[in-house]
Structure formats: structure tokens, C-alpha cells
Amino acid sequence: MAELQIEDIVVGTGNSPKQGQTVVVHYTGWLTNGKKFDSSVDRGQPFEFRIGVGQVIQGWDQGVLTMKVGGKRRLTIPPNLAYGNRDVGNGLIPANSTLIFEVELLDLN
């Protein structure tokens, strides 16, 4: 099985989230062919979720948990830690897709 790849773009200086805590992030997601499929940045609305409780794909739970507030990183998430063999959004994300996200950790609640 492929593993999550983490590349820090900016290392944050704030706290790291704890399991179950609500995190506030901005993100943009692409397929490996460069096609953007989603972006909270484009919507101008940060995304909030509870970390480590299965509200998001596993690659996010794993990749954001070790971030610090103010940090930005690129996550390359293999299908087994993303949507697997499921087609998402009427073909927006094809089955067995590796996903690339840039995630910025804005705040913890």
C-alpha cells in the first residue's frame, strides 16, 4: 500500500491539534493530472472539522494532526487513504485517484 507523503511548505509556530479537536483550515485539492477539484480558498470560506474522528479522509486526519497553526503543507494522498475505489462527485474525483492537497492550518477550536 502506498503511504501518505507530507511536504512542509511553511512550518507553523503555533500549537498542534489534539485528537478530537476542531481544526480550521484552508485547502486546495488537485488530481495528479493537475485538475483542481475543490478549494476553500476559492470559496473564501475556511473548512472546519474534528480531527482524528473520521470526519474526513484518512490522509487528512494523518497529515493535519502533526501540523502547527500557521503551517502550510502539501499532502499527496494515495487512494487507500482517500476515497479508494469510490467515484466521488459524479466523476469529479475518479475511483482510485491519488489526491494532492495544499492545506494551511489557520486555527484550533
PDB file of N, CA and C in Angstrom:
ATOM      1  N   MET A   1       0.829  -1.196   0.000  1.00  0.00           N
ATOM      2  CA  MET A   1       0.000   0.000   0.000  1.00  0.00           C
ATOM      3  C   MET A   1       0.866   1.248   0.000  1.00  0.00           C
ATOM      4  N   ALA A   2       0.423   2.216  -0.751  1.00  0.00           N
ATOM      5  CA  ALA A   2       1.143   3.489  -0.803  1.00  0.00           C
ATOM      6  C   ALA A   2       0.934   4.252   0.499  1.00  0.00           C
ATOM      7  N   GLU A   3       1.888   5.098   0.816  1.00  0.00           N
ATOM      8  CA  GLU A   3       1.816   5.862   2.055  1.00  0.00           C
ATOM      9  C   GLU A   3       1.594   7.330   1.763  1.00  0.00           C
ATOM     10  N   LEU A   4       1.095   8.009   2.764  1.00  0.00           N
ATOM     11  CA  LEU A   4       0.909   9.447   2.717  1.00  0.00           C
ATOM     12  C   LEU A   4       2.262  10.135   2.586  1.00  0.00           C
ATOM     13  N   GLN A   5       2.359  11.100   1.679  1.00  0.00           N
ATOM     14  CA  GLN A   5       3.572  11.906   1.544  1.00  0.00           C
ATOM     15  C   GLN A   5       3.274  13.310   2.052  1.00  0.00           C
ATOM     16  N   ILE A   6       4.133  13.807   2.922  1.00  0.00           N
ATOM     17  CA  ILE A   6       3.963  15.120   3.526  1.00  0.00           C
ATOM     18  C   ILE A   6       5.156  15.987   3.162  1.00  0.00           C
ATOM     19  N   GLU A   7       4.868  17.174   2.640  1.00  0.00           N
ATOM     20  CA  GLU A   7       5.913  18.138   2.310  1.00  0.00           C
ATOM     21  C   GLU A   7       5.539  19.468   2.957  1.00  0.00           C
ATOM     22  N   ASP A   8       6.325  19.904   3.931  1.00  0.00           N
ATOM     23  CA  ASP A   8       6.053  21.190   4.569  1.00  0.00           C
ATOM     24  C   ASP A   8       6.463  22.318   3.642  1.00  0.00           C
ATOM     25  N   ILE A   9       5.546  23.251   3.420  1.00  0.00           N
ATOM     26  CA  ILE A   9       5.809  24.458   2.640  1.00  0.00           C
ATOM     27  C   ILE A   9       6.190  25.568   3.615  1.00  0.00           C
ATOM     28  N   VAL A  10       5.413  25.678   4.689  1.00  0.00           N
ATOM     29  CA  VAL A  10       5.696  26.596   5.793  1.00  0.00           C
ATOM     30  C   VAL A  10       5.470  25.815   7.077  1.00  0.00           C
ATOM     31  N   VAL A  11       6.448  25.829   7.971  1.00  0.00           N
ATOM     32  CA  VAL A  11       6.274  25.180   9.273  1.00  0.00           C
ATOM     33  C   VAL A  11       5.657  26.206  10.213  1.00  0.00           C
ATOM     34  N   GLY A  12       4.516  25.849  10.785  1.00  0.00           N
ATOM     35  CA  GLY A  12       3.828  26.764  11.684  1.00  0.00           C
ATOM     36  C   GLY A  12       4.560  26.926  13.004  1.00  0.00           C
ATOM     37  N   THR A  13       4.156  27.933  13.744  1.00  0.00           N
ATOM     38  CA  THR A  13       4.775  28.206  15.045  1.00  0.00           C
ATOM     39  C   THR A  13       3.783  28.044  16.180  1.00  0.00           C
ATOM     40  N   GLY A  14       2.522  27.769  15.856  1.00  0.00           N
ATOM     41  CA  GLY A  14       1.501  27.610  16.889  1.00  0.00           C
ATOM     42  C   GLY A  14       1.421  26.182  17.398  1.00  0.00           C
ATOM     43  N   ASN A  15       0.332  25.895  18.088  1.00  0.00           N
ATOM     44  CA  ASN A  15       0.109  24.566  18.655  1.00  0.00           C
ATOM     45  C   ASN A  15      -0.312  23.573  17.581  1.00  0.00           C
ATOM     46  N   SER A  16      -0.080  22.291  17.863  1.00  0.00           N
ATOM     47  CA  SER A  16      -0.593  21.208  17.025  1.00  0.00           C
ATOM     48  C   SER A  16      -1.940  20.769  17.581  1.00  0.00           C
ATOM     49  N   PRO A  17      -2.830  20.292  16.720  1.00  0.00           N
ATOM     50  CA  PRO A  17      -4.135  19.845  17.210  1.00  0.00           C
ATOM     51  C   PRO A  17      -4.025  18.550  18.003  1.00  0.00           C
ATOM     52  N   LYS A  18      -5.000  18.357  18.872  1.00  0.00           N
ATOM     53  CA  LYS A  18      -5.138  17.107  19.614  1.00  0.00           C
ATOM     54  C   LYS A  18      -6.314  16.338  19.016  1.00  0.00           C
ATOM     55  N   GLN A  19      -6.235  15.023  19.105  1.00  0.00           N
ATOM     56  CA  GLN A  19      -7.290  14.157  18.586  1.00  0.00           C
ATOM     57  C   GLN A  19      -8.656  14.643  19.080  1.00  0.00           C
ATOM     58  N   GLY A  20      -9.610  14.790  18.157  1.00  0.00           N
ATOM     59  CA  GLY A  20     -10.962  15.197  18.506  1.00  0.00           C
ATOM     60  C   GLY A  20     -11.175  16.701  18.517  1.00  0.00           C
ATOM     61  N   GLN A  21     -10.090  17.472  18.409  1.00  0.00           N
ATOM     62  CA  GLN A  21     -10.194  18.924  18.419  1.00  0.00           C
ATOM     63  C   GLN A  21     -10.672  19.415  17.044  1.00  0.00           C
ATOM     64  N   THR A  22     -11.375  20.543  17.023  1.00  0.00           N
ATOM     65  CA  THR A  22     -11.809  21.125  15.760  1.00  0.00           C
ATOM     66  C   THR A  22     -10.683  21.977  15.190  1.00  0.00           C
ATOM     67  N   VAL A  23     -10.361  21.710  13.929  1.00  0.00           N
ATOM     68  CA  VAL A  23      -9.323  22.471  13.242  1.00  0.00           C
ATOM     69  C   VAL A  23      -9.981  23.322  12.161  1.00  0.00           C
ATOM     70  N   VAL A  24      -9.365  24.462  11.877  1.00  0.00           N
ATOM     71  CA  VAL A  24      -9.842  25.366  10.836  1.00  0.00           C
ATOM     72  C   VAL A  24      -8.740  25.445   9.786  1.00  0.00           C
ATOM     73  N   VAL A  25      -9.073  25.076   8.560  1.00  0.00           N
ATOM     74  CA  VAL A  25      -8.067  25.017   7.503  1.00  0.00           C
ATOM     75  C   VAL A  25      -8.561  25.717   6.234  1.00  0.00           C
ATOM     76  N   HIS A  26      -7.606  26.139   5.431  1.00  0.00           N
ATOM     77  CA  HIS A  26      -7.858  26.471   4.034  1.00  0.00           C
ATOM     78  C   HIS A  26      -7.165  25.382   3.231  1.00  0.00           C
ATOM     79  N   TYR A  27      -7.775  24.978   2.118  1.00  0.00           N
ATOM     80  CA  TYR A  27      -7.177  23.917   1.315  1.00  0.00           C
ATOM     81  C   TYR A  27      -7.531  24.092  -0.152  1.00  0.00           C
ATOM     82  N   THR A  28      -6.699  23.488  -0.976  1.00  0.00           N
ATOM     83  CA  THR A  28      -6.994  23.325  -2.397  1.00  0.00           C
ATOM     84  C   THR A  28      -6.592  21.899  -2.747  1.00  0.00           C
ATOM     85  N   GLY A  29      -7.441  21.230  -3.522  1.00  0.00           N
ATOM     86  CA  GLY A  29      -7.175  19.848  -3.911  1.00  0.00           C
ATOM     87  C   GLY A  29      -7.095  19.688  -5.411  1.00  0.00           C
ATOM     88  N   TRP A  30      -6.118  18.891  -5.844  1.00  0.00           N
ATOM     89  CA  TRP A  30      -5.916  18.597  -7.260  1.00  0.00           C
ATOM     90  C   TRP A  30      -5.812  17.086  -7.470  1.00  0.00           C
ATOM     91  N   LEU A  31      -6.158  16.668  -8.669  1.00  0.00           N
ATOM     92  CA  LEU A  31      -5.815  15.319  -9.126  1.00  0.00           C
ATOM     93  C   LEU A  31      -4.361  15.359  -9.591  1.00  0.00           C
ATOM     94  N   THR A  32      -3.755  14.205  -9.786  1.00  0.00           N
ATOM     95  CA  THR A  32      -2.349  14.174 -10.205  1.00  0.00           C
ATOM     96  C   THR A  32      -2.150  14.723 -11.618  1.00  0.00           C
ATOM     97  N   ASN A  33      -3.220  14.851 -12.402  1.00  0.00           N
ATOM     98  CA  ASN A  33      -3.104  15.440 -13.744  1.00  0.00           C
ATOM     99  C   ASN A  33      -3.172  16.966 -13.689  1.00  0.00           C
ATOM    100  N   GLY A  34      -3.252  17.531 -12.473  1.00  0.00           N
ATOM    101  CA  GLY A  34      -3.267  18.979 -12.308  1.00  0.00           C
ATOM    102  C   GLY A  34      -4.648  19.599 -12.258  1.00  0.00           C
ATOM    103  N   LYS A  35      -5.700  18.798 -12.437  1.00  0.00           N
ATOM    104  CA  LYS A  35      -7.062  19.332 -12.429  1.00  0.00           C
ATOM    105  C   LYS A  35      -7.493  19.629 -10.983  1.00  0.00           C
ATOM    106  N   LYS A  36      -7.824  20.898 -10.728  1.00  0.00           N
ATOM    107  CA  LYS A  36      -8.307  21.286  -9.404  1.00  0.00           C
ATOM    108  C   LYS A  36      -9.750  20.804  -9.253  1.00  0.00           C
ATOM    109  N   PHE A  37     -10.058  20.154  -8.110  1.00  0.00           N
ATOM    110  CA  PHE A  37     -11.419  19.674  -7.898  1.00  0.00           C
ATOM    111  C   PHE A  37     -12.131  20.368  -6.745  1.00  0.00           C
ATOM    112  N   ASP A  38     -11.399  21.064  -5.880  1.00  0.00           N
ATOM    113  CA  ASP A  38     -12.054  21.733  -4.761  1.00  0.00           C
ATOM    114  C   ASP A  38     -11.076  22.716  -4.127  1.00  0.00           C
ATOM    115  N   SER A  39     -11.629  23.814  -3.570  1.00  0.00           N
ATOM    116  CA  SER A  39     -10.780  24.786  -2.903  1.00  0.00           C
ATOM    117  C   SER A  39     -11.598  25.667  -1.972  1.00  0.00           C
ATOM    118  N   SER A  40     -11.287  25.601  -0.683  1.00  0.00           N
ATOM    119  CA  SER A  40     -11.918  26.521   0.268  1.00  0.00           C
ATOM    120  C   SER A  40     -11.400  27.936   0.032  1.00  0.00           C
ATOM    121  N   VAL A  41     -10.183  28.049  -0.481  1.00  0.00           N
ATOM    122  CA  VAL A  41      -9.584  29.360  -0.767  1.00  0.00           C
ATOM    123  C   VAL A  41     -10.423  30.079  -1.831  1.00  0.00           C
ATOM    124  N   ASP A  42     -10.781  29.354  -2.898  1.00  0.00           N
ATOM    125  CA  ASP A  42     -11.588  29.943  -3.967  1.00  0.00           C
ATOM    126  C   ASP A  42     -12.961  30.385  -3.456  1.00  0.00           C
ATOM    127  N   ARG A  43     -13.512  29.639  -2.509  1.00  0.00           N
ATOM    128  CA  ARG A  43     -14.820  29.991  -1.939  1.00  0.00           C
ATOM    129  C   ARG A  43     -14.713  31.104  -0.900  1.00  0.00           C
ATOM    130  N   GLY A  44     -13.482  31.353  -0.407  1.00  0.00           N
ATOM    131  CA  GLY A  44     -13.294  32.371   0.624  1.00  0.00           C
ATOM    132  C   GLY A  44     -13.864  31.967   1.965  1.00  0.00           C
ATOM    133  N   GLN A  45     -14.012  30.654   2.171  1.00  0.00           N
ATOM    134  CA  GLN A  45     -14.624  30.136   3.392  1.00  0.00           C
ATOM    135  C   GLN A  45     -13.771  28.995   3.943  1.00  0.00           C
ATOM    136  N   PRO A  46     -13.075  29.210   5.080  1.00  0.00           N
ATOM    137  CA  PRO A  46     -12.294  28.104   5.658  1.00  0.00           C
ATOM    138  C   PRO A  46     -13.189  26.914   5.990  1.00  0.00           C
ATOM    139  N   PHE A  47     -12.561  25.757   6.062  1.00  0.00           N
ATOM    140  CA  PHE A  47     -13.249  24.490   6.355  1.00  0.00           C
ATOM    141  C   PHE A  47     -12.884  24.054   7.765  1.00  0.00           C
ATOM    142  N   GLU A  48     -13.877  23.627   8.529  1.00  0.00           N
ATOM    143  CA  GLU A  48     -13.648  23.149   9.896  1.00  0.00           C
ATOM    144  C   GLU A  48     -14.041  21.685   9.999  1.00  0.00           C
ATOM    145  N   PHE A  49     -13.247  20.924  10.752  1.00  0.00           N
ATOM    146  CA  PHE A  49     -13.600  19.532  11.028  1.00  0.00           C
ATOM    147  C   PHE A  49     -12.920  19.080  12.313  1.00  0.00           C
ATOM    148  N   ARG A  50     -13.495  18.051  12.918  1.00  0.00           N
ATOM    149  CA  ARG A  50     -12.873  17.446  14.096  1.00  0.00           C
ATOM    150  C   ARG A  50     -11.845  16.438  13.615  1.00  0.00           C
ATOM    151  N   ILE A  51     -10.631  16.588  14.102  1.00  0.00           N
ATOM    152  CA  ILE A  51      -9.535  15.759  13.607  1.00  0.00           C
ATOM    153  C   ILE A  51      -9.466  14.416  14.320  1.00  0.00           C
ATOM    154  N   GLY A  52      -9.144  13.393  13.553  1.00  0.00           N
ATOM    155  CA  GLY A  52      -8.899  12.075  14.127  1.00  0.00           C
ATOM    156  C   GLY A  52     -10.138  11.276  14.480  1.00  0.00           C
ATOM    157  N   VAL A  53     -11.309  11.720  14.015  1.00  0.00           N
ATOM    158  CA  VAL A  53     -12.540  11.000  14.343  1.00  0.00           C
ATOM    159  C   VAL A  53     -13.284  10.514  13.093  1.00  0.00           C
ATOM    160  N   GLY A  54     -12.606  10.559  11.938  1.00  0.00           N
ATOM    161  CA  GLY A  54     -13.193  10.008  10.720  1.00  0.00           C
ATOM    162  C   GLY A  54     -14.148  10.930   9.980  1.00  0.00           C
ATOM    163  N   GLN A  55     -14.128  12.231  10.275  1.00  0.00           N
ATOM    164  CA  GLN A  55     -14.996  13.167   9.546  1.00  0.00           C
ATOM    165  C   GLN A  55     -14.467  13.475   8.153  1.00  0.00           C
ATOM    166  N   VAL A  56     -13.189  13.226   7.944  1.00  0.00           N
ATOM    167  CA  VAL A  56     -12.542  13.494   6.647  1.00  0.00           C
ATOM    168  C   VAL A  56     -11.771  12.248   6.226  1.00  0.00           C
ATOM    169  N   ILE A  57     -11.212  12.280   5.027  1.00  0.00           N
ATOM    170  CA  ILE A  57     -10.428  11.122   4.568  1.00  0.00           C
ATOM    171  C   ILE A  57      -9.225  10.911   5.491  1.00  0.00           C
ATOM    172  N   GLN A  58      -8.769   9.666   5.569  1.00  0.00           N
ATOM    173  CA  GLN A  58      -7.676   9.299   6.472  1.00  0.00           C
ATOM    174  C   GLN A  58      -6.411  10.111   6.231  1.00  0.00           C
ATOM    175  N   GLY A  59      -6.118  10.408   4.962  1.00  0.00           N
ATOM    176  CA  GLY A  59      -4.918  11.175   4.638  1.00  0.00           C
ATOM    177  C   GLY A  59      -4.926  12.553   5.282  1.00  0.00           C
ATOM    178  N   TRP A  60      -6.112  13.148   5.407  1.00  0.00           N
ATOM    179  CA  TRP A  60      -6.231  14.438   6.089  1.00  0.00           C
ATOM    180  C   TRP A  60      -6.041  14.269   7.587  1.00  0.00           C
ATOM    181  N   ASP A  61      -6.720  13.284   8.170  1.00  0.00           N
ATOM    182  CA  ASP A  61      -6.570  13.046   9.612  1.00  0.00           C
ATOM    183  C   ASP A  61      -5.097  12.854   9.967  1.00  0.00           C
ATOM    184  N   GLN A  62      -4.382  12.080   9.163  1.00  0.00           N
ATOM    185  CA  GLN A  62      -2.968  11.806   9.443  1.00  0.00           C
ATOM    186  C   GLN A  62      -2.085  13.007   9.142  1.00  0.00           C
ATOM    187  N   GLY A  63      -2.339  13.688   8.041  1.00  0.00           N
ATOM    188  CA  GLY A  63      -1.459  14.760   7.588  1.00  0.00           C
ATOM    189  C   GLY A  63      -1.612  16.069   8.335  1.00  0.00           C
ATOM    190  N   VAL A  64      -2.797  16.342   8.853  1.00  0.00           N
ATOM    191  CA  VAL A  64      -3.040  17.604   9.552  1.00  0.00           C
ATOM    192  C   VAL A  64      -2.713  17.485  11.042  1.00  0.00           C
ATOM    193  N   LEU A  65      -2.803  16.281  11.584  1.00  0.00           N
ATOM    194  CA  LEU A  65      -2.599  16.072  13.019  1.00  0.00           C
ATOM    195  C   LEU A  65      -1.232  16.552  13.506  1.00  0.00           C
ATOM    196  N   THR A  66      -0.221  16.458  12.669  1.00  0.00           N
ATOM    197  CA  THR A  66       1.136  16.843  13.085  1.00  0.00           C
ATOM    198  C   THR A  66       1.519  18.257  12.636  1.00  0.00           C
ATOM    199  N   MET A  67       0.546  18.988  12.079  1.00  0.00           N
ATOM    200  CA  MET A  67       0.815  20.374  11.690  1.00  0.00           C
ATOM    201  C   MET A  67       0.771  21.278  12.916  1.00  0.00           C
ATOM    202  N   LYS A  68       1.299  22.495  12.750  1.00  0.00           N
ATOM    203  CA  LYS A  68       1.187  23.535  13.765  1.00  0.00           C
ATOM    204  C   LYS A  68       0.425  24.706  13.148  1.00  0.00           C
ATOM    205  N   VAL A  69      -0.332  25.433  13.988  1.00  0.00           N
ATOM    206  CA  VAL A  69      -1.082  26.584  13.500  1.00  0.00           C
ATOM    207  C   VAL A  69      -0.131  27.535  12.772  1.00  0.00           C
ATOM    208  N   GLY A  70      -0.563  28.009  11.609  1.00  0.00           N
ATOM    209  CA  GLY A  70       0.261  28.882  10.780  1.00  0.00           C
ATOM    210  C   GLY A  70       1.026  28.118   9.714  1.00  0.00           C
ATOM    211  N   GLY A  71       0.999  26.790   9.792  1.00  0.00           N
ATOM    212  CA  GLY A  71       1.723  25.967   8.838  1.00  0.00           C
ATOM    213  C   GLY A  71       0.937  25.705   7.577  1.00  0.00           C
ATOM    214  N   LYS A  72       1.678  25.400   6.519  1.00  0.00           N
ATOM    215  CA  LYS A  72       1.080  25.009   5.248  1.00  0.00           C
ATOM    216  C   LYS A  72       1.874  23.818   4.731  1.00  0.00           C
ATOM    217  N   ARG A  73       1.166  22.807   4.281  1.00  0.00           N
ATOM    218  CA  ARG A  73       1.865  21.648   3.725  1.00  0.00           C
ATOM    219  C   ARG A  73       1.126  21.054   2.553  1.00  0.00           C
ATOM    220  N   ARG A  74       1.898  20.341   1.755  1.00  0.00           N
ATOM    221  CA  ARG A  74       1.343  19.604   0.621  1.00  0.00           C
ATOM    222  C   ARG A  74       1.230  18.141   1.038  1.00  0.00           C
ATOM    223  N   LEU A  75       0.033  17.614   0.888  1.00  0.00           N
ATOM    224  CA  LEU A  75      -0.232  16.208   1.189  1.00  0.00           C
ATOM    225  C   LEU A  75      -0.498  15.482  -0.120  1.00  0.00           C
ATOM    226  N   THR A  76       0.257  14.426  -0.388  1.00  0.00           N
ATOM    227  CA  THR A  76      -0.018  13.554  -1.525  1.00  0.00           C
ATOM    228  C   THR A  76      -0.617  12.294  -0.934  1.00  0.00           C
ATOM    229  N   ILE A  77      -1.902  12.100  -1.211  1.00  0.00           N
ATOM    230  CA  ILE A  77      -2.686  11.082  -0.519  1.00  0.00           C
ATOM    231  C   ILE A  77      -3.045   9.959  -1.497  1.00  0.00           C
ATOM    232  N   PRO A  78      -2.540   8.748  -1.239  1.00  0.00           N
ATOM    233  CA  PRO A  78      -2.853   7.622  -2.118  1.00  0.00           C
ATOM    234  C   PRO A  78      -4.321   7.211  -1.956  1.00  0.00           C
ATOM    235  N   PRO A  79      -4.860   6.487  -2.936  1.00  0.00           N
ATOM    236  CA  PRO A  79      -6.276   6.118  -2.898  1.00  0.00           C
ATOM    237  C   PRO A  79      -6.703   5.413  -1.608  1.00  0.00           C
ATOM    238  N   ASN A  80      -5.843   4.572  -1.039  1.00  0.00           N
ATOM    239  CA  ASN A  80      -6.229   3.824   0.160  1.00  0.00           C
ATOM    240  C   ASN A  80      -6.411   4.732   1.375  1.00  0.00           C
ATOM    241  N   LEU A  81      -5.894   5.966   1.323  1.00  0.00           N
ATOM    242  CA  LEU A  81      -6.091   6.929   2.410  1.00  0.00           C
ATOM    243  C   LEU A  81      -7.006   8.072   1.971  1.00  0.00           C
ATOM    244  N   ALA A  82      -7.612   7.917   0.769  1.00  0.00           N
ATOM    245  CA  ALA A  82      -8.532   8.923   0.240  1.00  0.00           C
ATOM    246  C   ALA A  82      -9.898   8.263   0.046  1.00  0.00           C
ATOM    247  N   TYR A  83     -10.356   8.165  -1.195  1.00  0.00           N
ATOM    248  CA  TYR A  83     -11.696   7.618  -1.460  1.00  0.00           C
ATOM    249  C   TYR A  83     -11.663   6.205  -2.020  1.00  0.00           C
ATOM    250  N   GLY A  84     -10.463   5.613  -2.130  1.00  0.00           N
ATOM    251  CA  GLY A  84     -10.354   4.224  -2.570  1.00  0.00           C
ATOM    252  C   GLY A  84     -10.962   4.017  -3.941  1.00  0.00           C
ATOM    253  N   ASN A  85     -11.754   2.953  -4.062  1.00  0.00           N
ATOM    254  CA  ASN A  85     -12.329   2.618  -5.366  1.00  0.00           C
ATOM    255  C   ASN A  85     -13.677   3.288  -5.603  1.00  0.00           C
ATOM    256  N   ARG A  86     -14.002   4.297  -4.766  1.00  0.00           N
ATOM    257  CA  ARG A  86     -15.259   5.032  -4.954  1.00  0.00           C
ATOM    258  C   ARG A  86     -15.036   6.223  -5.894  1.00  0.00           C
ATOM    259  N   ASP A  87     -16.014   6.427  -6.762  1.00  0.00           N
ATOM    260  CA  ASP A  87     -16.072   7.603  -7.627  1.00  0.00           C
ATOM    261  C   ASP A  87     -16.799   8.689  -6.830  1.00  0.00           C
ATOM    262  N   VAL A  88     -16.243   9.896  -6.762  1.00  0.00           N
ATOM    263  CA  VAL A  88     -16.815  10.956  -5.931  1.00  0.00           C
ATOM    264  C   VAL A  88     -17.244  12.132  -6.795  1.00  0.00           C
ATOM    265  N   GLY A  89     -18.413  12.684  -6.483  1.00  0.00           N
ATOM    266  CA  GLY A  89     -18.877  13.893  -7.163  1.00  0.00           C
ATOM    267  C   GLY A  89     -19.181  13.689  -8.629  1.00  0.00           C
ATOM    268  N   ASN A  90     -19.850  12.598  -8.962  1.00  0.00           N
ATOM    269  CA  ASN A  90     -20.207  12.312 -10.359  1.00  0.00           C
ATOM    270  C   ASN A  90     -19.006  12.391 -11.293  1.00  0.00           C
ATOM    271  N   GLY A  91     -17.900  11.780 -10.878  1.00  0.00           N
ATOM    272  CA  GLY A  91     -16.719  11.717 -11.723  1.00  0.00           C
ATOM    273  C   GLY A  91     -15.721  12.838 -11.496  1.00  0.00           C
ATOM    274  N   LEU A  92     -16.050  13.765 -10.602  1.00  0.00           N
ATOM    275  CA  LEU A  92     -15.121  14.850 -10.294  1.00  0.00           C
ATOM    276  C   LEU A  92     -13.799  14.275  -9.780  1.00  0.00           C
ATOM    277  N   ILE A  93     -13.908  13.271  -8.885  1.00  0.00           N
ATOM    278  CA  ILE A  93     -12.738  12.526  -8.417  1.00  0.00           C
ATOM    279  C   ILE A  93     -12.955  11.069  -8.817  1.00  0.00           C
ATOM    280  N   PRO A  94     -12.258  10.608  -9.840  1.00  0.00           N
ATOM    281  CA  PRO A  94     -12.429   9.226 -10.281  1.00  0.00           C
ATOM    282  C   PRO A  94     -11.978   8.223  -9.211  1.00  0.00           C
ATOM    283  N   ALA A  95     -12.508   7.021  -9.295  1.00  0.00           N
ATOM    284  CA  ALA A  95     -12.107   5.948  -8.394  1.00  0.00           C
ATOM    285  C   ALA A  95     -10.596   5.738  -8.474  1.00  0.00           C
ATOM    286  N   ASN A  96     -10.005   5.330  -7.376  1.00  0.00           N
ATOM    287  CA  ASN A  96      -8.576   5.001  -7.277  1.00  0.00           C
ATOM    288  C   ASN A  96      -7.651   6.184  -7.608  1.00  0.00           C
ATOM    289  N   SER A  97      -8.087   7.394  -7.252  1.00  0.00           N
ATOM    290  CA  SER A  97      -7.285   8.588  -7.523  1.00  0.00           C
ATOM    291  C   SER A  97      -6.347   8.896  -6.365  1.00  0.00           C
ATOM    292  N   THR A  98      -5.105   9.250  -6.714  1.00  0.00           N
ATOM    293  CA  THR A  98      -4.186   9.870  -5.759  1.00  0.00           C
ATOM    294  C   THR A  98      -4.529  11.353  -5.755  1.00  0.00           C
ATOM    295  N   LEU A  99      -4.646  11.927  -4.559  1.00  0.00           N
ATOM    296  CA  LEU A  99      -5.045  13.324  -4.424  1.00  0.00           C
ATOM    297  C   LEU A  99      -3.902  14.159  -3.868  1.00  0.00           C
ATOM    298  N   ILE A 100      -3.808  15.395  -4.324  1.00  0.00           N
ATOM    299  CA  ILE A 100      -2.797  16.327  -3.837  1.00  0.00           C
ATOM    300  C   ILE A 100      -3.525  17.513  -3.219  1.00  0.00           C
ATOM    301  N   PHE A 101      -3.218  17.800  -1.967  1.00  0.00           N
ATOM    302  CA  PHE A 101      -3.831  18.930  -1.274  1.00  0.00           C
ATOM    303  C   PHE A 101      -2.752  19.853  -0.745  1.00  0.00           C
ATOM    304  N   GLU A 102      -3.001  21.150  -0.839  1.00  0.00           N
ATOM    305  CA  GLU A 102      -2.253  22.118  -0.056  1.00  0.00           C
ATOM    306  C   GLU A 102      -3.189  22.533   1.057  1.00  0.00           C
ATOM    307  N   VAL A 103      -2.732  22.344   2.285  1.00  0.00           N
ATOM    308  CA  VAL A 103      -3.545  22.618   3.455  1.00  0.00           C
ATOM    309  C   VAL A 103      -2.817  23.620   4.341  1.00  0.00           C
ATOM    310  N   GLU A 104      -3.533  24.656   4.769  1.00  0.00           N
ATOM    311  CA  GLU A 104      -2.997  25.640   5.703  1.00  0.00           C
ATOM    312  C   GLU A 104      -3.807  25.563   6.984  1.00  0.00           C
ATOM    313  N   LEU A 105      -3.133  25.323   8.101  1.00  0.00           N
ATOM    314  CA  LEU A 105      -3.807  25.241   9.397  1.00  0.00           C
ATOM    315  C   LEU A 105      -3.947  26.650   9.964  1.00  0.00           C
ATOM    316  N   LEU A 106      -5.183  27.156   9.988  1.00  0.00           N
ATOM    317  CA  LEU A 106      -5.452  28.533  10.389  1.00  0.00           C
ATOM    318  C   LEU A 106      -5.656  28.683  11.891  1.00  0.00           C
ATOM    319  N   ASP A 107      -6.372  27.719  12.495  1.00  0.00           N
ATOM    320  CA  ASP A 107      -6.747  27.885  13.904  1.00  0.00           C
ATOM    321  C   ASP A 107      -7.196  26.550  14.482  1.00  0.00           C
ATOM    322  N   LEU A 108      -7.261  26.510  15.804  1.00  0.00           N
ATOM    323  CA  LEU A 108      -7.791  25.363  16.552  1.00  0.00           C
ATOM    324  C   LEU A 108      -8.936  25.875  17.418  1.00  0.00           C
ATOM    325  N   ASN A 109      -9.990  25.083  17.513  1.00  0.00           N
ATOM    326  CA  ASN A 109     -11.125  25.444  18.387  1.00  0.00           C
ATOM    327  C   ASN A 109     -11.377  24.352  19.406  1.00  0.00           C
TER     328      ASN A 109
END
